[in-house]
């Protein structure tokens, strides 16, 4: 197996720092329009800035994860609402 250094893939190396920042920034998922809009805008900018296919795929995986978390929160809220009635 070959090894690669950061200097061999500078775009991906730079992306990883930005990607980690985005994970930390959006880790606490919220059910608000503002949160969703900020996630969309921020991650879209990352995809535009780092066109490498790996960067795009990783960013889309994060977007999907955050969306799934929001959907689960929505379902849970709906369950609670139904149970209260």
Protein backbone atom coordinates (compact mmCIF):
# COMPACT_ATOMS: atom_id res chain seq x y z
CA UNK A 1 0.00 0.00 0.00
CA UNK A 2 1.31 3.41 -0.90
CA UNK A 3 1.44 6.35 1.43
CA UNK A 4 0.53 9.92 0.62
CA UNK A 5 1.63 13.16 2.22
CA UNK A 6 -0.39 16.33 2.65
CA UNK A 7 1.90 18.01 0.13
CA UNK A 8 0.78 15.43 -2.47
CA UNK A 9 -2.89 16.40 -2.08
CA UNK A 10 -2.93 20.03 -0.91
CA UNK A 11 -6.57 20.67 -1.85
CA UNK A 12 -7.83 17.71 0.17
CA UNK A 13 -5.51 18.57 3.05
CA UNK A 14 -6.91 22.12 3.14
CA UNK A 15 -10.45 20.79 2.80
CA UNK A 16 -10.11 18.51 5.82
CA UNK A 17 -9.61 21.49 8.13
CA UNK A 18 -12.65 23.26 6.70
CA UNK A 19 -14.67 20.03 6.84
CA UNK A 20 -13.78 19.47 10.50
CA UNK A 21 -14.82 23.04 11.27
CA UNK A 22 -18.18 22.45 9.60
CA UNK A 23 -18.75 19.30 11.68
CA UNK A 24 -18.07 21.24 14.87
CA UNK A 25 -20.19 24.20 13.72
CA UNK A 26 -23.30 22.17 12.90
CA UNK A 27 -22.96 19.22 15.29
CA UNK A 28 -25.80 20.46 17.51
CA UNK A 29 -28.63 19.94 15.04
CA UNK A 30 -31.56 22.36 15.34
CA UNK A 31 -35.07 22.31 13.92
CA UNK A 32 -35.13 25.88 12.65
CA UNK A 33 -35.28 27.44 9.21
CA UNK A 34 -32.25 29.56 10.08
CA UNK A 35 -30.14 26.50 10.96
CA UNK A 36 -31.18 24.68 7.76
CA UNK A 37 -30.45 27.72 5.60
CA UNK A 38 -27.05 28.24 7.21
CA UNK A 39 -26.11 24.57 6.74
CA UNK A 40 -27.15 24.69 3.10
CA UNK A 41 -25.29 27.90 2.36
CA UNK A 42 -22.13 26.91 4.25
CA UNK A 43 -21.86 23.43 2.74
CA UNK A 44 -22.65 24.72 -0.76
CA UNK A 45 -19.76 27.16 -0.42
CA UNK A 46 -17.46 24.29 0.58
CA UNK A 47 -18.47 22.30 -2.51
CA UNK A 48 -17.84 25.36 -4.70
CA UNK A 49 -14.46 26.01 -3.10
CA UNK A 50 -13.26 22.39 -3.21
CA UNK A 51 -14.40 20.78 -6.48
CA UNK A 52 -12.45 17.56 -5.89
CA UNK A 53 -14.91 14.60 -6.03
CA UNK A 54 -13.83 13.30 -2.61
CA UNK A 55 -14.42 16.71 -1.03
CA UNK A 56 -17.86 16.91 -2.62
CA UNK A 57 -18.84 13.41 -1.50
CA UNK A 58 -17.73 13.98 2.09
CA UNK A 59 -19.61 17.28 2.23
CA UNK A 60 -22.76 15.65 0.85
CA UNK A 61 -22.49 12.86 3.44
CA UNK A 62 -22.42 15.48 6.20
CA UNK A 63 -25.43 17.23 4.66
CA UNK A 64 -27.32 13.95 4.49
CA UNK A 65 -26.44 13.15 8.09
CA UNK A 66 -27.64 16.53 9.36
CA UNK A 67 -30.85 16.22 7.34
CA UNK A 68 -31.46 12.74 8.77
CA UNK A 69 -30.97 14.07 12.29
CA UNK A 70 -33.51 16.82 11.61
CA UNK A 71 -36.00 14.31 10.22
CA UNK A 72 -35.62 12.14 13.32
CA UNK A 73 -36.17 15.17 15.54
CA UNK A 74 -39.29 16.01 13.52
CA UNK A 75 -40.64 12.47 13.85
CA UNK A 76 -39.98 12.45 17.58
CA UNK A 77 -41.74 15.77 18.01
CA UNK A 78 -44.71 14.46 16.03
CA UNK A 79 -44.88 11.32 18.18
CA UNK A 80 -44.91 13.42 21.33
CA UNK A 81 -47.60 15.67 19.90
CA UNK A 82 -49.81 12.72 19.00
CA UNK A 83 -49.29 11.11 22.42
CA UNK A 84 -50.29 14.34 24.19
CA UNK A 85 -53.64 14.49 22.42
